[in-house]
Amino acid sequence: MSDLLTPEHFVPHLNGVFRVAGGRHALTLARIDTPRIAGQEAQPVSRQPFILIFCGPPGDVLAEGLYTLLVEDGRRFELYLIPIQTPSADRQDYQAVFN
């Protein structure tokens, strides 16, 4: 996908499964965060920053890196995923940050 990605691209996939192409990992899109940045309204930006939070199984941590993620409807996204500290022992969370 070569479009400038926005939160709206991911809303239809909220709570959906994203499979890592060529891998064994399947991650669920749990949340789309759209933080407000002080002074952002005064500056022209090409898109609103946002963060995707994915959940995966515990113990089998996907290393930080660029991955092709496949969605059931056939869409594919190239995302840089970072494992993040996860307070719950029953999952591992990941984030993809868009500035």
PDB file of N, CA and C in Angstrom:
ATOM      1  N   MET A   1       0.846  -1.161   0.000  1.00  0.00           N
ATOM      2  CA  MET A   1       0.000   0.000   0.000  1.00  0.00           C
ATOM      3  C   MET A   1       0.896   1.231   0.000  1.00  0.00           C
ATOM      4  N   SER A   2       0.701   2.137  -0.976  1.00  0.00           N
ATOM      5  CA  SER A   2       1.556   3.308  -1.084  1.00  0.00           C
ATOM      6  C   SER A   2       0.882   4.587  -0.614  1.00  0.00           C
ATOM      7  N   ASP A   3      -0.388   4.537  -0.233  1.00  0.00           N
ATOM      8  CA  ASP A   3      -1.091   5.717   0.282  1.00  0.00           C
ATOM      9  C   ASP A   3      -0.481   6.151   1.605  1.00  0.00           C
ATOM     10  N   LEU A   4      -0.623   7.465   1.900  1.00  0.00           N
ATOM     11  CA  LEU A   4      -0.257   7.959   3.218  1.00  0.00           C
ATOM     12  C   LEU A   4      -1.308   7.418   4.183  1.00  0.00           C
ATOM     13  N   LEU A   5      -0.907   6.536   5.064  1.00  0.00           N
ATOM     14  CA  LEU A   5      -1.863   5.867   5.948  1.00  0.00           C
ATOM     15  C   LEU A   5      -2.386   6.817   7.016  1.00  0.00           C
ATOM     16  N   THR A   6      -3.664   6.667   7.326  1.00  0.00           N
ATOM     17  CA  THR A   6      -4.343   7.450   8.352  1.00  0.00           C
ATOM     18  C   THR A   6      -5.079   6.478   9.274  1.00  0.00           C
ATOM     19  N   PRO A   7      -5.570   6.955  10.414  1.00  0.00           N
ATOM     20  CA  PRO A   7      -6.331   6.066  11.294  1.00  0.00           C
ATOM     21  C   PRO A   7      -7.534   5.429  10.589  1.00  0.00           C
ATOM     22  N   GLU A   8      -8.130   6.161   9.654  1.00  0.00           N
ATOM     23  CA  GLU A   8      -9.312   5.657   8.961  1.00  0.00           C
ATOM     24  C   GLU A   8      -9.039   4.386   8.156  1.00  0.00           C
ATOM     25  N   HIS A   9      -7.795   4.200   7.708  1.00  0.00           N
ATOM     26  CA  HIS A   9      -7.439   2.965   6.998  1.00  0.00           C
ATOM     27  C   HIS A   9      -7.581   1.738   7.901  1.00  0.00           C
ATOM     28  N   PHE A  10      -7.438   1.940   9.207  1.00  0.00           N
ATOM     29  CA  PHE A  10      -7.399   0.815  10.135  1.00  0.00           C
ATOM     30  C   PHE A  10      -8.695   0.602  10.910  1.00  0.00           C
ATOM     31  N   VAL A  11      -9.572   1.600  10.939  1.00  0.00           N
ATOM     32  CA  VAL A  11     -10.826   1.478  11.690  1.00  0.00           C
ATOM     33  C   VAL A  11     -11.612   0.219  11.294  1.00  0.00           C
ATOM     34  N   PRO A  12     -11.742  -0.114  10.003  1.00  0.00           N
ATOM     35  CA  PRO A  12     -12.496  -1.330   9.652  1.00  0.00           C
ATOM     36  C   PRO A  12     -11.853  -2.619  10.164  1.00  0.00           C
ATOM     37  N   HIS A  13     -10.576  -2.543  10.533  1.00  0.00           N
ATOM     38  CA  HIS A  13      -9.845  -3.733  10.967  1.00  0.00           C
ATOM     39  C   HIS A  13      -9.668  -3.809  12.484  1.00  0.00           C
ATOM     40  N   LEU A  14     -10.291  -2.875  13.209  1.00  0.00           N
ATOM     41  CA  LEU A  14     -10.201  -2.889  14.667  1.00  0.00           C
ATOM     42  C   LEU A  14     -10.740  -4.215  15.188  1.00  0.00           C
ATOM     43  N   ASN A  15     -10.002  -4.864  16.052  1.00  0.00           N
ATOM     44  CA  ASN A  15     -10.286  -6.195  16.602  1.00  0.00           C
ATOM     45  C   ASN A  15     -10.116  -7.310  15.573  1.00  0.00           C
ATOM     46  N   GLY A  16      -9.570  -6.969  14.421  1.00  0.00           N
ATOM     47  CA  GLY A  16      -9.310  -7.962  13.384  1.00  0.00           C
ATOM     48  C   GLY A  16      -7.903  -8.533  13.518  1.00  0.00           C
ATOM     49  N   VAL A  17      -7.683  -9.643  12.819  1.00  0.00           N
ATOM     50  CA  VAL A  17      -6.399 -10.345  12.879  1.00  0.00           C
ATOM     51  C   VAL A  17      -5.522  -9.929  11.699  1.00  0.00           C
ATOM     52  N   PHE A  18      -4.267  -9.614  12.006  1.00  0.00           N
ATOM     53  CA  PHE A  18      -3.242  -9.292  11.023  1.00  0.00           C
ATOM     54  C   PHE A  18      -2.198 -10.404  11.095  1.00  0.00           C
ATOM     55  N   ARG A  19      -1.959 -11.070   9.984  1.00  0.00           N
ATOM     56  CA  ARG A  19      -0.972 -12.154   9.945  1.00  0.00           C
ATOM     57  C   ARG A  19       0.326 -11.643   9.333  1.00  0.00           C
ATOM     58  N   VAL A  20       1.438 -12.022   9.939  1.00  0.00           N
ATOM     59  CA  VAL A  20       2.744 -11.629   9.427  1.00  0.00           C
ATOM     60  C   VAL A  20       3.044 -12.496   8.206  1.00  0.00           C
ATOM     61  N   ALA A  21       3.267 -11.849   7.062  1.00  0.00           N
ATOM     62  CA  ALA A  21       3.561 -12.577   5.826  1.00  0.00           C
ATOM     63  C   ALA A  21       4.822 -13.418   6.000  1.00  0.00           C
ATOM     64  N   GLY A  22       4.721 -14.681   5.647  1.00  0.00           N
ATOM     65  CA  GLY A  22       5.865 -15.576   5.741  1.00  0.00           C
ATOM     66  C   GLY A  22       6.240 -15.975   7.148  1.00  0.00           C
ATOM     67  N   GLY A  23       5.392 -15.669   8.115  1.00  0.00           N
ATOM     68  CA  GLY A  23       5.705 -15.975   9.514  1.00  0.00           C
ATOM     69  C   GLY A  23       4.563 -16.693  10.192  1.00  0.00           C
ATOM     70  N   ARG A  24       4.743 -16.933  11.467  1.00  0.00           N
ATOM     71  CA  ARG A  24       3.749 -17.686  12.242  1.00  0.00           C
ATOM     72  C   ARG A  24       2.897 -16.791  13.141  1.00  0.00           C
ATOM     73  N   HIS A  25       3.245 -15.524  13.227  1.00  0.00           N
ATOM     74  CA  HIS A  25       2.567 -14.627  14.158  1.00  0.00           C
ATOM     75  C   HIS A  25       1.253 -14.092  13.592  1.00  0.00           C
ATOM     76  N   ALA A  26       0.263 -14.023  14.467  1.00  0.00           N
ATOM     77  CA  ALA A  26      -1.027 -13.399  14.164  1.00  0.00           C
ATOM     78  C   ALA A  26      -1.302 -12.405  15.288  1.00  0.00           C
ATOM     79  N   LEU A  27      -1.516 -11.160  14.917  1.00  0.00           N
ATOM     80  CA  LEU A  27      -1.722 -10.089  15.887  1.00  0.00           C
ATOM     81  C   LEU A  27      -3.103  -9.484  15.712  1.00  0.00           C
ATOM     82  N   THR A  28      -3.715  -9.127  16.816  1.00  0.00           N
ATOM     83  CA  THR A  28      -5.030  -8.501  16.787  1.00  0.00           C
ATOM     84  C   THR A  28      -4.873  -6.997  16.985  1.00  0.00           C
ATOM     85  N   LEU A  29      -5.504  -6.210  16.113  1.00  0.00           N
ATOM     86  CA  LEU A  29      -5.479  -4.761  16.276  1.00  0.00           C
ATOM     87  C   LEU A  29      -6.434  -4.401  17.410  1.00  0.00           C
ATOM     88  N   ALA A  30      -5.869  -4.026  18.552  1.00  0.00           N
ATOM     89  CA  ALA A  30      -6.657  -3.787  19.758  1.00  0.00           C
ATOM     90  C   ALA A  30      -7.093  -2.340  19.920  1.00  0.00           C
ATOM     91  N   ARG A  31      -6.294  -1.404  19.380  1.00  0.00           N
ATOM     92  CA  ARG A  31      -6.576   0.003  19.677  1.00  0.00           C
ATOM     93  C   ARG A  31      -5.938   0.903  18.617  1.00  0.00           C
ATOM     94  N   ILE A  32      -6.575   2.024  18.361  1.00  0.00           N
ATOM     95  CA  ILE A  32      -6.015   3.080  17.523  1.00  0.00           C
ATOM     96  C   ILE A  32      -5.991   4.340  18.372  1.00  0.00           C
ATOM     97  N   ASP A  33      -4.806   4.781  18.745  1.00  0.00           N
ATOM     98  CA  ASP A  33      -4.664   5.982  19.572  1.00  0.00           C
ATOM     99  C   ASP A  33      -4.357   7.172  18.668  1.00  0.00           C
ATOM    100  N   THR A  34      -5.038   8.278  18.907  1.00  0.00           N
ATOM    101  CA  THR A  34      -4.806   9.511  18.153  1.00  0.00           C
ATOM    102  C   THR A  34      -4.513  10.640  19.141  1.00  0.00           C
ATOM    103  N   PRO A  35      -3.287  10.667  19.661  1.00  0.00           N
ATOM    104  CA  PRO A  35      -2.948  11.676  20.664  1.00  0.00           C
ATOM    105  C   PRO A  35      -2.926  13.081  20.063  1.00  0.00           C
ATOM    106  N   ARG A  36      -3.363  14.036  20.856  1.00  0.00           N
ATOM    107  CA  ARG A  36      -3.318  15.439  20.462  1.00  0.00           C
ATOM    108  C   ARG A  36      -1.998  16.027  20.937  1.00  0.00           C
ATOM    109  N   ILE A  37      -1.351  16.768  20.065  1.00  0.00           N
ATOM    110  CA  ILE A  37      -0.070  17.374  20.385  1.00  0.00           C
ATOM    111  C   ILE A  37      -0.288  18.881  20.539  1.00  0.00           C
ATOM    112  N   ALA A  38       0.212  19.435  21.635  1.00  0.00           N
ATOM    113  CA  ALA A  38       0.049  20.867  21.895  1.00  0.00           C
ATOM    114  C   ALA A  38       0.614  21.676  20.736  1.00  0.00           C
ATOM    115  N   GLY A  39      -0.167  22.636  20.249  1.00  0.00           N
ATOM    116  CA  GLY A  39       0.267  23.485  19.151  1.00  0.00           C
ATOM    117  C   GLY A  39       0.095  22.877  17.776  1.00  0.00           C
ATOM    118  N   GLN A  40      -0.406  21.670  17.712  1.00  0.00           N
ATOM    119  CA  GLN A  40      -0.549  20.968  16.433  1.00  0.00           C
ATOM    120  C   GLN A  40      -1.488  21.712  15.486  1.00  0.00           C
ATOM    121  N   GLU A  41      -2.523  22.357  16.025  1.00  0.00           N
ATOM    122  CA  GLU A  41      -3.506  23.043  15.200  1.00  0.00           C
ATOM    123  C   GLU A  41      -2.875  24.199  14.426  1.00  0.00           C
ATOM    124  N   ALA A  42      -1.827  24.808  14.958  1.00  0.00           N
ATOM    125  CA  ALA A  42      -1.201  25.971  14.339  1.00  0.00           C
ATOM    126  C   ALA A  42      -0.248  25.599  13.209  1.00  0.00           C
ATOM    127  N   GLN A  43       0.124  24.346  13.106  1.00  0.00           N
ATOM    128  CA  GLN A  43       1.094  23.924  12.108  1.00  0.00           C
ATOM    129  C   GLN A  43       0.433  23.035  11.065  1.00  0.00           C
ATOM    130  N   PRO A  44       0.747  23.271   9.800  1.00  0.00           N
ATOM    131  CA  PRO A  44       0.203  22.380   8.769  1.00  0.00           C
ATOM    132  C   PRO A  44       0.877  21.009   8.853  1.00  0.00           C
ATOM    133  N   VAL A  45       0.070  19.971   8.870  1.00  0.00           N
ATOM    134  CA  VAL A  45       0.603  18.612   8.903  1.00  0.00           C
ATOM    135  C   VAL A  45      -0.067  17.801   7.805  1.00  0.00           C
ATOM    136  N   SER A  46       0.652  16.817   7.299  1.00  0.00           N
ATOM    137  CA  SER A  46       0.100  15.999   6.230  1.00  0.00           C
ATOM    138  C   SER A  46      -0.888  14.971   6.762  1.00  0.00           C
ATOM    139  N   ARG A  47      -0.758  14.631   8.031  1.00  0.00           N
ATOM    140  CA  ARG A  47      -1.731  13.740   8.656  1.00  0.00           C
ATOM    141  C   ARG A  47      -1.617  13.868  10.173  1.00  0.00           C
ATOM    142  N   GLN A  48      -2.667  13.464  10.837  1.00  0.00           N
ATOM    143  CA  GLN A  48      -2.672  13.443  12.297  1.00  0.00           C
ATOM    144  C   GLN A  48      -1.825  12.260  12.754  1.00  0.00           C
ATOM    145  N   PRO A  49      -0.902  12.470  13.706  1.00  0.00           N
ATOM    146  CA  PRO A  49      -0.145  11.337  14.232  1.00  0.00           C
ATOM    147  C   PRO A  49      -1.083  10.328  14.898  1.00  0.00           C
ATOM    148  N   PHE A  50      -0.726   9.061  14.798  1.00  0.00           N
ATOM    149  CA  PHE A  50      -1.513   8.023  15.458  1.00  0.00           C
ATOM    150  C   PHE A  50      -0.647   6.821  15.761  1.00  0.00           C
ATOM    151  N   ILE A  51      -1.161   5.970  16.652  1.00  0.00           N
ATOM    152  CA  ILE A  51      -0.453   4.774  17.092  1.00  0.00           C
ATOM    153  C   ILE A  51      -1.413   3.598  17.023  1.00  0.00           C
ATOM    154  N   LEU A  52      -0.954   2.523  16.413  1.00  0.00           N
ATOM    155  CA  LEU A  52      -1.720   1.272  16.411  1.00  0.00           C
ATOM    156  C   LEU A  52      -1.170   0.385  17.510  1.00  0.00           C
ATOM    157  N   ILE A  53      -2.050  -0.200  18.299  1.00  0.00           N
ATOM    158  CA  ILE A  53      -1.647  -1.144  19.338  1.00  0.00           C
ATOM    159  C   ILE A  53      -2.198  -2.517  18.951  1.00  0.00           C
ATOM    160  N   PHE A  54      -1.283  -3.464  18.817  1.00  0.00           N
ATOM    161  CA  PHE A  54      -1.621  -4.845  18.491  1.00  0.00           C
ATOM    162  C   PHE A  54      -1.370  -5.734  19.697  1.00  0.00           C
ATOM    163  N   CYS A  55      -2.105  -6.834  19.797  1.00  0.00           N
ATOM    164  CA  CYS A  55      -1.891  -7.835  20.845  1.00  0.00           C
ATOM    165  C   CYS A  55      -1.564  -9.163  20.182  1.00  0.00           C
ATOM    166  N   GLY A  56      -0.602  -9.850  20.775  1.00  0.00           N
ATOM    167  CA  GLY A  56      -0.232 -11.177  20.309  1.00  0.00           C
ATOM    168  C   GLY A  56      -0.074 -12.105  21.495  1.00  0.00           C
ATOM    169  N   PRO A  57       0.228 -13.364  21.223  1.00  0.00           N
ATOM    170  CA  PRO A  57       0.386 -14.317  22.317  1.00  0.00           C
ATOM    171  C   PRO A  57       1.641 -14.009  23.140  1.00  0.00           C
ATOM    172  N   PRO A  58       1.630 -14.375  24.415  1.00  0.00           N
ATOM    173  CA  PRO A  58       2.807 -14.141  25.259  1.00  0.00           C
ATOM    174  C   PRO A  58       3.905 -15.146  24.928  1.00  0.00           C
ATOM    175  N   GLY A  59       5.124 -14.758  25.225  1.00  0.00           N
ATOM    176  CA  GLY A  59       6.238 -15.704  25.122  1.00  0.00           C
ATOM    177  C   GLY A  59       6.889 -15.785  23.754  1.00  0.00           C
ATOM    178  N   ASP A  60       6.140 -15.720  22.695  1.00  0.00           N
ATOM    179  CA  ASP A  60       6.683 -15.814  21.341  1.00  0.00           C
ATOM    180  C   ASP A  60       6.732 -14.406  20.756  1.00  0.00           C
ATOM    181  N   VAL A  61       7.708 -13.617  21.217  1.00  0.00           N
ATOM    182  CA  VAL A  61       7.762 -12.197  20.883  1.00  0.00           C
ATOM    183  C   VAL A  61       8.330 -11.987  19.483  1.00  0.00           C
ATOM    184  N   LEU A  62       7.618 -11.225  18.703  1.00  0.00           N
ATOM    185  CA  LEU A  62       8.056 -10.833  17.371  1.00  0.00           C
ATOM    186  C   LEU A  62       9.093  -9.736  17.535  1.00  0.00           C
ATOM    187  N   ALA A  63      10.247  -9.887  16.919  1.00  0.00           N
ATOM    188  CA  ALA A  63      11.319  -8.899  17.050  1.00  0.00           C
ATOM    189  C   ALA A  63      10.928  -7.583  16.393  1.00  0.00           C
ATOM    190  N   GLU A  64      11.461  -6.477  16.918  1.00  0.00           N
ATOM    191  CA  GLU A  64      11.228  -5.169  16.316  1.00  0.00           C
ATOM    192  C   GLU A  64      11.684  -5.190  14.865  1.00  0.00           C
ATOM    193  N   GLY A  65      10.847  -4.621  13.986  1.00  0.00           N
ATOM    194  CA  GLY A  65      11.245  -4.562  12.589  1.00  0.00           C
ATOM    195  C   GLY A  65      10.091  -4.250  11.658  1.00  0.00           C
ATOM    196  N   LEU A  66      10.425  -4.176  10.368  1.00  0.00           N
ATOM    197  CA  LEU A  66       9.452  -3.890   9.325  1.00  0.00           C
ATOM    198  C   LEU A  66       8.847  -5.201   8.832  1.00  0.00           C
ATOM    199  N   TYR A  67       7.513  -5.258   8.826  1.00  0.00           N
ATOM    200  CA  TYR A  67       6.806  -6.479   8.449  1.00  0.00           C
ATOM    201  C   TYR A  67       5.674  -6.159   7.476  1.00  0.00           C
ATOM    202  N   THR A  68       5.378  -7.120   6.630  1.00  0.00           N
ATOM    203  CA  THR A  68       4.176  -7.067   5.816  1.00  0.00           C
ATOM    204  C   THR A  68       3.105  -7.803   6.584  1.00  0.00           C
ATOM    205  N   LEU A  69       2.001  -7.108   6.881  1.00  0.00           N
ATOM    206  CA  LEU A  69       0.891  -7.699   7.615  1.00  0.00           C
ATOM    207  C   LEU A  69      -0.286  -7.879   6.668  1.00  0.00           C
ATOM    208  N   LEU A  70      -0.869  -9.055   6.698  1.00  0.00           N
ATOM    209  CA  LEU A  70      -1.980  -9.411   5.825  1.00  0.00           C
ATOM    210  C   LEU A  70      -3.268  -9.460   6.632  1.00  0.00           C
ATOM    211  N   VAL A  71      -4.322  -8.857   6.065  1.00  0.00           N
ATOM    212  CA  VAL A  71      -5.633  -8.845   6.694  1.00  0.00           C
ATOM    213  C   VAL A  71      -6.534  -9.792   5.916  1.00  0.00           C
ATOM    214  N   GLU A  72      -7.545 -10.325   6.566  1.00  0.00           N
ATOM    215  CA  GLU A  72      -8.421 -11.319   5.943  1.00  0.00           C
ATOM    216  C   GLU A  72      -9.065 -10.841   4.649  1.00  0.00           C
ATOM    217  N   ASP A  73      -9.309  -9.529   4.510  1.00  0.00           N
ATOM    218  CA  ASP A  73      -9.959  -9.029   3.293  1.00  0.00           C
ATOM    219  C   ASP A  73      -8.987  -8.892   2.124  1.00  0.00           C
ATOM    220  N   GLY A  74      -7.738  -9.314   2.320  1.00  0.00           N
ATOM    221  CA  GLY A  74      -6.751  -9.272   1.250  1.00  0.00           C
ATOM    222  C   GLY A  74      -5.842  -8.063   1.264  1.00  0.00           C
ATOM    223  N   ARG A  75      -6.139  -7.088   2.108  1.00  0.00           N
ATOM    224  CA  ARG A  75      -5.273  -5.906   2.197  1.00  0.00           C
ATOM    225  C   ARG A  75      -3.967  -6.281   2.864  1.00  0.00           C
ATOM    226  N   ARG A  76      -2.951  -5.525   2.525  1.00  0.00           N
ATOM    227  CA  ARG A  76      -1.634  -5.728   3.141  1.00  0.00           C
ATOM    228  C   ARG A  76      -1.071  -4.373   3.537  1.00  0.00           C
ATOM    229  N   PHE A  77      -0.398  -4.378   4.655  1.00  0.00           N
ATOM    230  CA  PHE A  77       0.198  -3.159   5.178  1.00  0.00           C
ATOM    231  C   PHE A  77       1.652  -3.434   5.525  1.00  0.00           C
ATOM    232  N   GLU A  78       2.535  -2.512   5.162  1.00  0.00           N
ATOM    233  CA  GLU A  78       3.940  -2.570   5.567  1.00  0.00           C
ATOM    234  C   GLU A  78       4.062  -1.719   6.829  1.00  0.00           C
ATOM    235  N   LEU A  79       4.305  -2.358   7.971  1.00  0.00           N
ATOM    236  CA  LEU A  79       4.355  -1.632   9.243  1.00  0.00           C
ATOM    237  C   LEU A  79       5.635  -1.959  10.001  1.00  0.00           C
ATOM    238  N   TYR A  80       6.172  -0.954  10.668  1.00  0.00           N
ATOM    239  CA  TYR A  80       7.312  -1.149  11.561  1.00  0.00           C
ATOM    240  C   TYR A  80       6.747  -1.401  12.951  1.00  0.00           C
ATOM    241  N   LEU A  81       6.898  -2.612  13.439  1.00  0.00           N
ATOM    242  CA  LEU A  81       6.333  -3.011  14.733  1.00  0.00           C
ATOM    243  C   LEU A  81       7.400  -3.018  15.813  1.00  0.00           C
ATOM    244  N   ILE A  82       6.993  -2.590  16.980  1.00  0.00           N
ATOM    245  CA  ILE A  82       7.882  -2.568  18.141  1.00  0.00           C
ATOM    246  C   ILE A  82       7.176  -3.265  19.296  1.00  0.00           C
ATOM    247  N   PRO A  83       7.774  -4.324  19.863  1.00  0.00           N
ATOM    248  CA  PRO A  83       7.175  -4.903  21.070  1.00  0.00           C
ATOM    249  C   PRO A  83       7.296  -3.891  22.204  1.00  0.00           C
ATOM    250  N   ILE A  84       6.246  -3.761  22.993  1.00  0.00           N
ATOM    251  CA  ILE A  84       6.241  -2.792  24.088  1.00  0.00           C
ATOM    252  C   ILE A  84       5.947  -3.497  25.413  1.00  0.00           C
ATOM    253  N   GLN A  85       6.289  -2.802  26.487  1.00  0.00           N
ATOM    254  CA  GLN A  85       6.019  -3.368  27.808  1.00  0.00           C
ATOM    255  C   GLN A  85       4.518  -3.626  27.930  1.00  0.00           C
ATOM    256  N   THR A  86       4.193  -4.831  28.365  1.00  0.00           N
ATOM    257  CA  THR A  86       2.801  -5.254  28.457  1.00  0.00           C
ATOM    258  C   THR A  86       2.501  -5.627  29.900  1.00  0.00           C
ATOM    259  N   PRO A  87       1.573  -4.908  30.543  1.00  0.00           N
ATOM    260  CA  PRO A  87       1.297  -5.162  31.955  1.00  0.00           C
ATOM    261  C   PRO A  87       0.628  -6.512  32.223  1.00  0.00           C
ATOM    262  N   SER A  88       0.004  -7.083  31.237  1.00  0.00           N
ATOM    263  CA  SER A  88      -0.710  -8.344  31.410  1.00  0.00           C
ATOM    264  C   SER A  88       0.169  -9.512  30.966  1.00  0.00           C
ATOM    265  N   ALA A  89       0.176 -10.588  31.733  1.00  0.00           N
ATOM    266  CA  ALA A  89       0.995 -11.760  31.406  1.00  0.00           C
ATOM    267  C   ALA A  89       0.358 -12.651  30.346  1.00  0.00           C
ATOM    268  N   ASP A  90      -0.890 -12.374  29.967  1.00  0.00           N
ATOM    269  CA  ASP A  90      -1.582 -13.254  29.015  1.00  0.00           C
ATOM    270  C   ASP A  90      -1.447 -12.817  27.561  1.00  0.00           C
ATOM    271  N   ARG A  91      -0.612 -11.777  27.293  1.00  0.00           N
ATOM    272  CA  ARG A  91      -0.431 -11.318  25.919  1.00  0.00           C
ATOM    273  C   ARG A  91       0.878 -10.534  25.805  1.00  0.00           C
ATOM    274  N   GLN A  92       1.269 -10.254  24.565  1.00  0.00           N
ATOM    275  CA  GLN A  92       2.376  -9.340  24.273  1.00  0.00           C
ATOM    276  C   GLN A  92       1.822  -8.252  23.366  1.00  0.00           C
ATOM    277  N   ASP A  93       2.052  -6.999  23.736  1.00  0.00           N
ATOM    278  CA  ASP A  93       1.563  -5.872  22.939  1.00  0.00           C
ATOM    279  C   ASP A  93       2.680  -5.343  22.035  1.00  0.00           C
ATOM    280  N   TYR A  94       2.248  -4.750  20.923  1.00  0.00           N
ATOM    281  CA  TYR A  94       3.154  -4.153  19.942  1.00  0.00           C
ATOM    282  C   TYR A  94       2.566  -2.811  19.532  1.00  0.00           C
ATOM    283  N   GLN A  95       3.435  -1.909  19.056  1.00  0.00           N
ATOM    284  CA  GLN A  95       2.939  -0.644  18.543  1.00  0.00           C
ATOM    285  C   GLN A  95       3.545  -0.363  17.185  1.00  0.00           C
ATOM    286  N   ALA A  96       2.765   0.369  16.380  1.00  0.00           N
ATOM    287  CA  ALA A  96       3.233   0.940  15.113  1.00  0.00           C
ATOM    288  C   ALA A  96       2.898   2.418  15.199  1.00  0.00           C
ATOM    289  N   VAL A  97       3.896   3.268  15.083  1.00  0.00           N
ATOM    290  CA  VAL A  97       3.739   4.706  15.288  1.00  0.00           C
ATOM    291  C   VAL A  97       3.801   5.427  13.949  1.00  0.00           C
ATOM    292  N   PHE A  98       2.864   6.339  13.748  1.00  0.00           N
ATOM    293  CA  PHE A  98       2.792   7.140  12.533  1.00  0.00           C
ATOM    294  C   PHE A  98       2.874   8.609  12.922  1.00  0.00           C
ATOM    295  N   ASN A  99       3.921   9.301  12.460  1.00  0.00           N
ATOM    296  CA  ASN A  99       4.115  10.725  12.773  1.00  0.00           C
ATOM    297  C   ASN A  99       3.501  11.584  11.704  1.00  0.00           C
TER     298      ASN A  99
END
